[in-house]
């Protein structure tokens, strides 16, 4: 099964079970934001597919709104757990897979973090290449929990709405 087959299968599941759009969005966003999985997981593509499916099926905001909220919660939780992993392992994170095989991932995250500081947590949700490591690096640098969580939660919900809304509203407009 290739990536496109997986995206298609997930979107097909939501097509057959619209009530599951929110929980599926949670899982997809969580995996998209967790540790290093955003490199392997096509979460944004799946969320865009779900959004297009919801628009095409003509569901109201009563389904879209909760899907955005579920995805925001999933994204922020994935980032929070990744932060706690970085906080726990500190520099030992470089010895864990996949960072042990790809040390440049941590180096890129550190450069991004050193440039933007705590704002990198906010920006990290929007940039796929660093999304996988920013929360871990924030934990490594022991960014205060409250700063991390404010940036994390705000950006996760903005990211979620930014993934769902343009596709949903654009397609809904075109289908009228």
C-alpha atoms as a PDB file:
ATOM      1  CA  UNK A   1       0.000   0.000   0.000  1.00  0.00           C
ATOM      2  CA  UNK A   2       1.530   3.324  -1.037  1.00  0.00           C
ATOM      3  CA  UNK A   3       0.875   6.725   0.517  1.00  0.00           C
ATOM      4  CA  UNK A   4      -1.834   7.700  -1.971  1.00  0.00           C
ATOM      5  CA  UNK A   5      -3.693   4.439  -1.319  1.00  0.00           C
ATOM      6  CA  UNK A   6      -3.632   5.181   2.404  1.00  0.00           C
ATOM      7  CA  UNK A   7      -4.899   8.740   1.900  1.00  0.00           C
ATOM      8  CA  UNK A   8      -7.669   7.416  -0.370  1.00  0.00           C
ATOM      9  CA  UNK A   9      -8.642   4.702   2.138  1.00  0.00           C
ATOM     10  CA  UNK A  10      -8.847   7.188   5.009  1.00  0.00           C
ATOM     11  CA  UNK A  11     -10.928   9.649   3.004  1.00  0.00           C
ATOM     12  CA  UNK A  12     -13.175   6.786   1.823  1.00  0.00           C
ATOM     13  CA  UNK A  13     -13.711   5.760   5.441  1.00  0.00           C
ATOM     14  CA  UNK A  14     -14.819   9.294   6.319  1.00  0.00           C
ATOM     15  CA  UNK A  15     -17.057   9.371   3.231  1.00  0.00           C
ATOM     16  CA  UNK A  16     -18.836   6.256   4.503  1.00  0.00           C
ATOM     17  CA  UNK A  17     -18.850   7.451   8.131  1.00  0.00           C
ATOM     18  CA  UNK A  18     -19.223  11.246   8.260  1.00  0.00           C
ATOM     19  CA  UNK A  19     -19.842  11.124  11.999  1.00  0.00           C
ATOM     20  CA  UNK A  20     -16.260   9.928  12.345  1.00  0.00           C
ATOM     21  CA  UNK A  21     -14.793  12.995  10.583  1.00  0.00           C
ATOM     22  CA  UNK A  22     -13.852  14.592  13.922  1.00  0.00           C
ATOM     23  CA  UNK A  23     -12.175  11.590  15.558  1.00  0.00           C
ATOM     24  CA  UNK A  24     -10.367  10.752  12.303  1.00  0.00           C
ATOM     25  CA  UNK A  25      -9.195  14.382  12.066  1.00  0.00           C
ATOM     26  CA  UNK A  26      -7.906  14.099  15.655  1.00  0.00           C
ATOM     27  CA  UNK A  27      -5.852  10.981  14.907  1.00  0.00           C
ATOM     28  CA  UNK A  28      -4.539  12.345  11.614  1.00  0.00           C
ATOM     29  CA  UNK A  29      -3.511  15.689  13.168  1.00  0.00           C
ATOM     30  CA  UNK A  30      -1.978  13.954  16.193  1.00  0.00           C
ATOM     31  CA  UNK A  31       0.184  11.740  13.992  1.00  0.00           C
ATOM     32  CA  UNK A  32       1.045  14.725  11.774  1.00  0.00           C
ATOM     33  CA  UNK A  33       2.327  16.611  14.830  1.00  0.00           C
ATOM     34  CA  UNK A  34       3.903  13.794  16.849  1.00  0.00           C
ATOM     35  CA  UNK A  35       7.671  13.521  17.240  1.00  0.00           C
ATOM     36  CA  UNK A  36       9.059  12.666  13.794  1.00  0.00           C
ATOM     37  CA  UNK A  37       5.963  11.170  12.171  1.00  0.00           C
ATOM     38  CA  UNK A  38       5.133  14.261  10.110  1.00  0.00           C
ATOM     39  CA  UNK A  39       7.976  13.221   7.835  1.00  0.00           C
ATOM     40  CA  UNK A  40       6.359   9.840   7.190  1.00  0.00           C
ATOM     41  CA  UNK A  41       2.667  10.578   7.674  1.00  0.00           C
ATOM     42  CA  UNK A  42       0.648  12.357   4.939  1.00  0.00           C
ATOM     43  CA  UNK A  43      -1.567  14.077   7.500  1.00  0.00           C
ATOM     44  CA  UNK A  44      -2.082  17.377   5.722  1.00  0.00           C
ATOM     45  CA  UNK A  45      -3.078  15.592   2.509  1.00  0.00           C
ATOM     46  CA  UNK A  46      -5.577  13.456   4.418  1.00  0.00           C
ATOM     47  CA  UNK A  47      -7.080  16.482   6.191  1.00  0.00           C
ATOM     48  CA  UNK A  48      -7.426  18.348   2.889  1.00  0.00           C
ATOM     49  CA  UNK A  49      -9.103  15.263   1.418  1.00  0.00           C
ATOM     50  CA  UNK A  50     -11.523  15.082   4.343  1.00  0.00           C
ATOM     51  CA  UNK A  51     -12.292  18.787   3.959  1.00  0.00           C
ATOM     52  CA  UNK A  52     -12.969  18.378   0.249  1.00  0.00           C
ATOM     53  CA  UNK A  53     -15.154  15.380   0.952  1.00  0.00           C
ATOM     54  CA  UNK A  54     -17.174  17.301   3.538  1.00  0.00           C
ATOM     55  CA  UNK A  55     -17.655  20.206   1.121  1.00  0.00           C
ATOM     56  CA  UNK A  56     -18.654  17.941  -1.720  1.00  0.00           C
ATOM     57  CA  UNK A  57     -21.157  16.039   0.390  1.00  0.00           C
ATOM     58  CA  UNK A  58     -22.763  19.329   1.402  1.00  0.00           C
ATOM     59  CA  UNK A  59     -22.441  18.883   5.161  1.00  0.00           C
ATOM     60  CA  UNK A  60     -23.034  21.944   7.259  1.00  0.00           C
ATOM     61  CA  UNK A  61     -20.691  23.672   9.662  1.00  0.00           C
ATOM     62  CA  UNK A  62     -22.103  21.328  12.304  1.00  0.00           C
ATOM     63  CA  UNK A  63     -19.644  18.717  10.975  1.00  0.00           C
ATOM     64  CA  UNK A  64     -16.820  20.977   9.753  1.00  0.00           C
ATOM     65  CA  UNK A  65     -16.502  22.982  12.986  1.00  0.00           C
ATOM     66  CA  UNK A  66     -16.040  19.951  15.216  1.00  0.00           C
ATOM     67  CA  UNK A  67     -13.582  18.416  12.720  1.00  0.00           C
ATOM     68  CA  UNK A  68     -11.462  21.584  12.951  1.00  0.00           C
ATOM     69  CA  UNK A  69     -11.618  21.457  16.754  1.00  0.00           C
ATOM     70  CA  UNK A  70     -10.768  17.747  16.866  1.00  0.00           C
ATOM     71  CA  UNK A  71      -7.799  18.326  14.542  1.00  0.00           C
ATOM     72  CA  UNK A  72      -6.625  21.281  16.643  1.00  0.00           C
ATOM     73  CA  UNK A  73      -6.715  19.162  19.785  1.00  0.00           C
ATOM     74  CA  UNK A  74      -4.903  16.301  18.043  1.00  0.00           C
ATOM     75  CA  UNK A  75      -2.225  18.607  16.666  1.00  0.00           C
ATOM     76  CA  UNK A  76      -1.607  20.312  19.994  1.00  0.00           C
ATOM     77  CA  UNK A  77      -1.488  16.998  21.871  1.00  0.00           C
ATOM     78  CA  UNK A  78       1.007  15.536  19.377  1.00  0.00           C
ATOM     79  CA  UNK A  79       3.221  18.576  19.831  1.00  0.00           C
ATOM     80  CA  UNK A  80       2.868  18.520  23.630  1.00  0.00           C
ATOM     81  CA  UNK A  81       3.938  14.879  23.908  1.00  0.00           C
ATOM     82  CA  UNK A  82       6.845  15.560  21.547  1.00  0.00           C
ATOM     83  CA  UNK A  83       7.888  18.473  23.780  1.00  0.00           C
ATOM     84  CA  UNK A  84       7.813  16.220  26.848  1.00  0.00           C
ATOM     85  CA  UNK A  85       9.942  13.637  25.016  1.00  0.00           C
ATOM     86  CA  UNK A  86      12.542  16.343  24.270  1.00  0.00           C
ATOM     87  CA  UNK A  87      12.369  17.603  27.858  1.00  0.00           C
ATOM     88  CA  UNK A  88      12.932  14.087  29.197  1.00  0.00           C
ATOM     89  CA  UNK A  89      15.713  12.968  26.831  1.00  0.00           C
ATOM     90  CA  UNK A  90      17.474  16.337  26.351  1.00  0.00           C
ATOM     91  CA  UNK A  91      20.622  15.793  24.238  1.00  0.00           C
ATOM     92  CA  UNK A  92      20.086  12.035  24.418  1.00  0.00           C
ATOM     93  CA  UNK A  93      17.412  12.524  21.764  1.00  0.00           C
ATOM     94  CA  UNK A  94      20.213  12.328  19.196  1.00  0.00           C
ATOM     95  CA  UNK A  95      20.693   8.672  20.160  1.00  0.00           C
ATOM     96  CA  UNK A  96      17.062   7.750  19.397  1.00  0.00           C
ATOM     97  CA  UNK A  97      15.820   6.652  16.007  1.00  0.00           C
ATOM     98  CA  UNK A  98      15.301   8.420  13.587  1.00  0.00           C
ATOM     99  CA  UNK A  99      17.565  11.180  14.877  1.00  0.00           C
ATOM    100  CA  UNK A 100      20.463   8.760  15.326  1.00  0.00           C
ATOM    101  CA  UNK A 101      20.271   7.975  11.595  1.00  0.00           C
ATOM    102  CA  UNK A 102      19.479  11.540  10.507  1.00  0.00           C
ATOM    103  CA  UNK A 103      21.237  13.922  12.902  1.00  0.00           C
ATOM    104  CA  UNK A 104      20.721  16.797  10.461  1.00  0.00           C
ATOM    105  CA  UNK A 105      17.033  16.778  11.460  1.00  0.00           C
ATOM    106  CA  UNK A 106      17.904  17.951  14.963  1.00  0.00           C
ATOM    107  CA  UNK A 107      20.485  20.384  13.604  1.00  0.00           C
ATOM    108  CA  UNK A 108      17.877  21.994  11.296  1.00  0.00           C
ATOM    109  CA  UNK A 109      15.434  22.176  14.172  1.00  0.00           C
ATOM    110  CA  UNK A 110      18.036  23.817  16.401  1.00  0.00           C
ATOM    111  CA  UNK A 111      18.913  26.405  13.744  1.00  0.00           C
ATOM    112  CA  UNK A 112      15.230  27.182  13.260  1.00  0.00           C
ATOM    113  CA  UNK A 113      14.724  27.335  17.027  1.00  0.00           C
ATOM    114  CA  UNK A 114      17.769  29.551  17.608  1.00  0.00           C
ATOM    115  CA  UNK A 115      16.517  31.971  14.949  1.00  0.00           C
ATOM    116  CA  UNK A 116      12.916  32.217  16.139  1.00  0.00           C
ATOM    117  CA  UNK A 117      13.081  31.180  19.805  1.00  0.00           C
ATOM    118  CA  UNK A 118       9.728  30.313  21.363  1.00  0.00           C
ATOM    119  CA  UNK A 119       7.972  31.607  18.224  1.00  0.00           C
ATOM    120  CA  UNK A 120       9.434  28.606  16.403  1.00  0.00           C
ATOM    121  CA  UNK A 121       6.856  26.473  18.228  1.00  0.00           C
ATOM    122  CA  UNK A 122       4.130  28.615  16.670  1.00  0.00           C
ATOM    123  CA  UNK A 123       5.711  28.599  13.186  1.00  0.00           C
ATOM    124  CA  UNK A 124       6.627  24.916  13.390  1.00  0.00           C
ATOM    125  CA  UNK A 125       3.036  23.783  12.886  1.00  0.00           C
ATOM    126  CA  UNK A 126       3.044  25.423   9.454  1.00  0.00           C
ATOM    127  CA  UNK A 127       6.381  24.211   8.070  1.00  0.00           C
ATOM    128  CA  UNK A 128       6.477  20.502   7.294  1.00  0.00           C
ATOM    129  CA  UNK A 129      10.255  20.066   7.213  1.00  0.00           C
ATOM    130  CA  UNK A 130      10.718  21.288  10.790  1.00  0.00           C
ATOM    131  CA  UNK A 131       7.328  20.232  12.201  1.00  0.00           C
ATOM    132  CA  UNK A 132       8.826  16.897  13.201  1.00  0.00           C
ATOM    133  CA  UNK A 133      11.562  18.286  15.410  1.00  0.00           C
ATOM    134  CA  UNK A 134      10.573  21.737  16.698  1.00  0.00           C
ATOM    135  CA  UNK A 135       8.638  20.510  19.755  1.00  0.00           C
ATOM    136  CA  UNK A 136      11.424  18.059  20.611  1.00  0.00           C
ATOM    137  CA  UNK A 137      14.048  20.799  20.319  1.00  0.00           C
ATOM    138  CA  UNK A 138      11.853  23.105  22.435  1.00  0.00           C
ATOM    139  CA  UNK A 139      11.861  20.399  25.090  1.00  0.00           C
ATOM    140  CA  UNK A 140      15.631  19.961  24.750  1.00  0.00           C
ATOM    141  CA  UNK A 141      16.060  23.702  25.350  1.00  0.00           C
ATOM    142  CA  UNK A 142      13.595  23.513  28.255  1.00  0.00           C
ATOM    143  CA  UNK A 143      11.320  26.243  26.934  1.00  0.00           C
ATOM    144  CA  UNK A 144       8.984  27.118  29.805  1.00  0.00           C
ATOM    145  CA  UNK A 145       5.881  24.936  29.657  1.00  0.00           C
ATOM    146  CA  UNK A 146       3.442  27.863  29.590  1.00  0.00           C
ATOM    147  CA  UNK A 147       5.219  29.556  26.658  1.00  0.00           C
ATOM    148  CA  UNK A 148       5.347  26.315  24.743  1.00  0.00           C
ATOM    149  CA  UNK A 149       1.697  25.437  25.351  1.00  0.00           C
ATOM    150  CA  UNK A 150       0.365  28.893  24.442  1.00  0.00           C
ATOM    151  CA  UNK A 151       2.254  28.867  21.135  1.00  0.00           C
ATOM    152  CA  UNK A 152       1.378  25.211  20.581  1.00  0.00           C
ATOM    153  CA  UNK A 153      -2.357  25.474  21.171  1.00  0.00           C
ATOM    154  CA  UNK A 154      -2.819  28.727  19.244  1.00  0.00           C
ATOM    155  CA  UNK A 155      -0.875  27.496  16.241  1.00  0.00           C
ATOM    156  CA  UNK A 156      -2.491  24.048  16.231  1.00  0.00           C
ATOM    157  CA  UNK A 157      -5.971  25.536  15.953  1.00  0.00           C
ATOM    158  CA  UNK A 158      -4.917  28.122  13.362  1.00  0.00           C
ATOM    159  CA  UNK A 159      -3.168  25.363  11.389  1.00  0.00           C
ATOM    160  CA  UNK A 160      -6.233  23.128  11.632  1.00  0.00           C
ATOM    161  CA  UNK A 161      -8.573  25.861  10.409  1.00  0.00           C
ATOM    162  CA  UNK A 162      -6.047  26.790   7.711  1.00  0.00           C
ATOM    163  CA  UNK A 163      -6.005  23.241   6.399  1.00  0.00           C
ATOM    164  CA  UNK A 164      -9.770  22.673   6.479  1.00  0.00           C
ATOM    165  CA  UNK A 165     -11.378  26.039   5.737  1.00  0.00           C
ATOM    166  CA  UNK A 166      -9.889  27.058   2.369  1.00  0.00           C
ATOM    167  CA  UNK A 167     -10.651  23.714   0.775  1.00  0.00           C
ATOM    168  CA  UNK A 168     -14.100  23.427   2.309  1.00  0.00           C
ATOM    169  CA  UNK A 169     -15.266  26.953   1.523  1.00  0.00           C
ATOM    170  CA  UNK A 170     -13.560  27.125  -1.869  1.00  0.00           C
ATOM    171  CA  UNK A 171     -15.068  23.842  -3.020  1.00  0.00           C
ATOM    172  CA  UNK A 172     -18.463  24.675  -1.505  1.00  0.00           C
ATOM    173  CA  UNK A 173     -18.452  27.916  -3.494  1.00  0.00           C
ATOM    174  CA  UNK A 174     -17.503  26.168  -6.737  1.00  0.00           C
ATOM    175  CA  UNK A 175     -20.176  23.497  -6.296  1.00  0.00           C
ATOM    176  CA  UNK A 176     -23.043  25.995  -5.941  1.00  0.00           C
END
